[in-house]
Every structure is written in structure tokens, then in C-alpha cells.
Amino acid sequence: MTADCLFCKIVAGNIPATTIYEDDDVIVFNDIKPMAKVHFLIVPKLHLDSLKSCDVSHQQLLGKMLLLAPKLAAEQGLQGFKTLINTGREGGQEVFHIHVHVFGGGLPNT
């Protein structure tokens, strides 16, 4: 855990989130600025700054995150979906704790 990381604070329960799945390794919650009707984040509880910070020791965790995407997307009513991992500031990453965006279902209701 990193004290100043937004997602670490969510993992610790210090910041509320609308959680749709949680286990010992990951927490999954709805994005607060959705880009689609369904937009959730798969976040490991282990703090890793970005995909660039990962190595072979994280292979099982990364695989688990990606395999959760279709399962949870289906549970959220999606027939198809997009996944996105922003890496680094130049790659559009805003929160420097690796996470997978899963979204679909058209534009969000605003």
C-alpha cells in the first residue's frame, strides 16, 4: 500500500467505492467518471504503479485481472466490451496504480 495512492485508499476502505467484486487479490468497482453505461475498474490490492512496473512475478495476478473482465462484464449485462490499461502519463494514466478499465453498453446516462 502507498499512503498517497487513491486506489490504495479504496482498497483500505478509507474512500468509498461502489464495489461489484472483491477477493484477496483484487477489488472491482464502478468508475466515478464513466465513459459508457457500464464502466468498472479491476484493481489489484497490491500496489503497482503501472504495467511498466510489472514483471514475471505478477503474471498470475495480471492473468486473473484479465480473466475477470469477461465474467464481470457478463454479470453487468454486457454482450461485448472494451478493456483498457493506460500506462504512464503519456499513455493517459491518471491514477498511478495499475488497473484495467472494462466498459461497454453505449454512452453513459448523464
C-alpha atoms as a PDB file:
ATOM      1  CA  MET A   1       0.000   0.000   0.000  1.00  0.00           C
ATOM      2  CA  THR A   2       1.054   3.535  -0.713  1.00  0.00           C
ATOM      3  CA  ALA A   3      -0.316   6.206   1.628  1.00  0.00           C
ATOM      4  CA  ASP A   4      -0.971   8.820  -1.075  1.00  0.00           C
ATOM      5  CA  CYS A   5      -2.484   6.449  -3.678  1.00  0.00           C
ATOM      6  CA  LEU A   6      -6.213   6.887  -4.344  1.00  0.00           C
ATOM      7  CA  PHE A   7      -6.740   3.215  -5.172  1.00  0.00           C
ATOM      8  CA  CYS A   8      -4.777   2.048  -2.112  1.00  0.00           C
ATOM      9  CA  LYS A   9      -7.141   4.200  -0.025  1.00  0.00           C
ATOM     10  CA  ILE A  10     -10.126   2.478  -1.683  1.00  0.00           C
ATOM     11  CA  VAL A  11      -8.557  -0.945  -1.050  1.00  0.00           C
ATOM     12  CA  ALA A  12      -8.059   0.015   2.617  1.00  0.00           C
ATOM     13  CA  GLY A  13     -11.686   1.154   2.898  1.00  0.00           C
ATOM     14  CA  ASN A  14     -10.744   4.774   3.591  1.00  0.00           C
ATOM     15  CA  ILE A  15     -12.525   6.054   0.474  1.00  0.00           C
ATOM     16  CA  PRO A  16     -15.925   4.629  -0.513  1.00  0.00           C
ATOM     17  CA  ALA A  17     -16.488   2.957  -3.871  1.00  0.00           C
ATOM     18  CA  THR A  18     -19.353   1.042  -5.446  1.00  0.00           C
ATOM     19  CA  THR A  19     -17.749  -2.392  -5.311  1.00  0.00           C
ATOM     20  CA  ILE A  20     -19.026  -5.081  -7.667  1.00  0.00           C
ATOM     21  CA  TYR A  21     -16.451  -7.776  -6.812  1.00  0.00           C
ATOM     22  CA  GLU A  22     -13.707  -8.345  -4.274  1.00  0.00           C
ATOM     23  CA  ASP A  23     -11.405 -11.173  -3.260  1.00  0.00           C
ATOM     24  CA  ASP A  24      -7.977 -11.483  -1.624  1.00  0.00           C
ATOM     25  CA  ASP A  25      -6.162 -10.157  -4.711  1.00  0.00           C
ATOM     26  CA  VAL A  26      -8.395  -7.580  -6.396  1.00  0.00           C
ATOM     27  CA  ILE A  27     -11.200  -5.128  -5.883  1.00  0.00           C
ATOM     28  CA  VAL A  28     -13.543  -4.160  -8.703  1.00  0.00           C
ATOM     29  CA  PHE A  29     -15.629  -1.006  -8.572  1.00  0.00           C
ATOM     30  CA  ASN A  30     -17.565   1.352 -10.826  1.00  0.00           C
ATOM     31  CA  ASP A  31     -15.625   4.239 -12.355  1.00  0.00           C
ATOM     32  CA  ILE A  32     -16.663   7.628 -10.931  1.00  0.00           C
ATOM     33  CA  LYS A  33     -16.351   9.208 -14.399  1.00  0.00           C
ATOM     34  CA  PRO A  34     -17.875   6.528 -16.621  1.00  0.00           C
ATOM     35  CA  MET A  35     -17.150   6.549 -20.354  1.00  0.00           C
ATOM     36  CA  ALA A  36     -20.016   4.101 -21.008  1.00  0.00           C
ATOM     37  CA  LYS A  37     -23.224   2.845 -19.374  1.00  0.00           C
ATOM     38  CA  VAL A  38     -21.135   0.117 -17.746  1.00  0.00           C
ATOM     39  CA  HIS A  39     -17.621   1.148 -16.754  1.00  0.00           C
ATOM     40  CA  PHE A  40     -15.749  -0.547 -13.957  1.00  0.00           C
ATOM     41  CA  LEU A  41     -12.132  -0.875 -12.861  1.00  0.00           C
ATOM     42  CA  ILE A  42     -10.297  -4.052 -11.926  1.00  0.00           C
ATOM     43  CA  VAL A  43      -7.663  -3.024  -9.392  1.00  0.00           C
ATOM     44  CA  PRO A  44      -5.122  -5.285  -7.691  1.00  0.00           C
ATOM     45  CA  LYS A  45      -4.788  -4.850  -3.956  1.00  0.00           C
ATOM     46  CA  LEU A  46      -1.017  -4.985  -4.416  1.00  0.00           C
ATOM     47  CA  HIS A  47       0.246  -1.515  -5.300  1.00  0.00           C
ATOM     48  CA  LEU A  48       1.981  -1.492  -8.673  1.00  0.00           C
ATOM     49  CA  ASP A  49       2.462   1.907 -10.317  1.00  0.00           C
ATOM     50  CA  SER A  50       1.712   0.769 -13.872  1.00  0.00           C
ATOM     51  CA  LEU A  51       2.039  -2.078 -16.337  1.00  0.00           C
ATOM     52  CA  LYS A  52       5.681  -0.993 -16.773  1.00  0.00           C
ATOM     53  CA  SER A  53       6.248  -1.856 -13.097  1.00  0.00           C
ATOM     54  CA  CYS A  54       5.170  -5.477 -13.599  1.00  0.00           C
ATOM     55  CA  ASP A  55       7.446  -8.429 -14.142  1.00  0.00           C
ATOM     56  CA  VAL A  56       7.090 -12.203 -14.427  1.00  0.00           C
ATOM     57  CA  SER A  57       6.262 -12.448 -10.718  1.00  0.00           C
ATOM     58  CA  HIS A  58       2.995 -10.581 -11.450  1.00  0.00           C
ATOM     59  CA  GLN A  59       1.928 -12.888 -14.281  1.00  0.00           C
ATOM     60  CA  GLN A  60      -0.707 -14.764 -12.248  1.00  0.00           C
ATOM     61  CA  LEU A  61      -2.228 -11.532 -10.906  1.00  0.00           C
ATOM     62  CA  LEU A  62      -2.378  -9.947 -14.374  1.00  0.00           C
ATOM     63  CA  GLY A  63      -3.951 -13.086 -15.810  1.00  0.00           C
ATOM     64  CA  LYS A  64      -6.532 -13.129 -13.045  1.00  0.00           C
ATOM     65  CA  MET A  65      -7.425  -9.500 -13.741  1.00  0.00           C
ATOM     66  CA  LEU A  66      -7.895 -10.139 -17.464  1.00  0.00           C
ATOM     67  CA  LEU A  67      -9.931 -13.319 -16.918  1.00  0.00           C
ATOM     68  CA  LEU A  68     -12.240 -11.465 -14.526  1.00  0.00           C
ATOM     69  CA  ALA A  69     -13.112  -8.936 -17.250  1.00  0.00           C
ATOM     70  CA  PRO A  70     -15.448 -11.153 -19.336  1.00  0.00           C
ATOM     71  CA  LYS A  71     -17.010 -12.782 -16.277  1.00  0.00           C
ATOM     72  CA  LEU A  72     -17.855  -9.465 -14.612  1.00  0.00           C
ATOM     73  CA  ALA A  73     -18.835  -7.829 -17.914  1.00  0.00           C
ATOM     74  CA  ALA A  74     -21.397 -10.591 -18.474  1.00  0.00           C
ATOM     75  CA  GLU A  75     -22.682 -10.188 -14.907  1.00  0.00           C
ATOM     76  CA  GLN A  76     -23.156  -6.479 -15.656  1.00  0.00           C
ATOM     77  CA  GLY A  77     -25.244  -7.334 -18.727  1.00  0.00           C
ATOM     78  CA  LEU A  78     -22.636  -6.711 -21.424  1.00  0.00           C
ATOM     79  CA  GLN A  79     -22.567  -8.944 -24.512  1.00  0.00           C
ATOM     80  CA  GLY A  80     -19.371  -7.243 -25.689  1.00  0.00           C
ATOM     81  CA  PHE A  81     -16.975  -4.832 -24.022  1.00  0.00           C
ATOM     82  CA  LYS A  82     -13.669  -2.986 -24.257  1.00  0.00           C
ATOM     83  CA  THR A  83     -10.703  -3.274 -21.949  1.00  0.00           C
ATOM     84  CA  LEU A  84      -8.091  -0.590 -21.495  1.00  0.00           C
ATOM     85  CA  ILE A  85      -4.886  -0.305 -19.494  1.00  0.00           C
ATOM     86  CA  ASN A  86      -3.392   3.195 -19.574  1.00  0.00           C
ATOM     87  CA  THR A  87       0.333   3.098 -18.858  1.00  0.00           C
ATOM     88  CA  GLY A  88       2.275   6.179 -17.805  1.00  0.00           C
ATOM     89  CA  ARG A  89       1.330   9.824 -18.053  1.00  0.00           C
ATOM     90  CA  GLU A  90       1.924   9.828 -21.823  1.00  0.00           C
ATOM     91  CA  GLY A  91      -0.384   6.793 -22.081  1.00  0.00           C
ATOM     92  CA  GLY A  92      -3.231   8.613 -20.349  1.00  0.00           C
ATOM     93  CA  GLN A  93      -2.770   7.113 -16.889  1.00  0.00           C
ATOM     94  CA  GLU A  94      -4.212   9.379 -14.185  1.00  0.00           C
ATOM     95  CA  VAL A  95      -4.036   7.152 -11.096  1.00  0.00           C
ATOM     96  CA  PHE A  96      -0.632   5.544 -10.752  1.00  0.00           C
ATOM     97  CA  HIS A  97      -1.823   2.146  -9.516  1.00  0.00           C
ATOM     98  CA  ILE A  98      -2.285  -0.380 -12.317  1.00  0.00           C
ATOM     99  CA  HIS A  99      -5.920  -1.031 -13.226  1.00  0.00           C
ATOM    100  CA  VAL A 100      -7.967  -2.428 -16.072  1.00  0.00           C
ATOM    101  CA  HIS A 101     -10.903  -0.416 -17.380  1.00  0.00           C
ATOM    102  CA  VAL A 102     -13.828  -2.525 -18.616  1.00  0.00           C
ATOM    103  CA  PHE A 103     -16.607  -0.655 -20.391  1.00  0.00           C
ATOM    104  CA  GLY A 104     -19.488  -1.096 -22.803  1.00  0.00           C
ATOM    105  CA  GLY A 105     -23.200  -0.689 -23.308  1.00  0.00           C
ATOM    106  CA  GLY A 106     -23.163   2.649 -25.097  1.00  0.00           C
ATOM    107  CA  LEU A 107     -22.789   6.131 -23.732  1.00  0.00           C
ATOM    108  CA  PRO A 108     -23.409   6.751 -20.025  1.00  0.00           C
ATOM    109  CA  ASN A 109     -26.651   8.242 -18.813  1.00  0.00           C
ATOM    110  CA  THR A 110     -25.844  11.832 -17.926  1.00  0.00           C
END
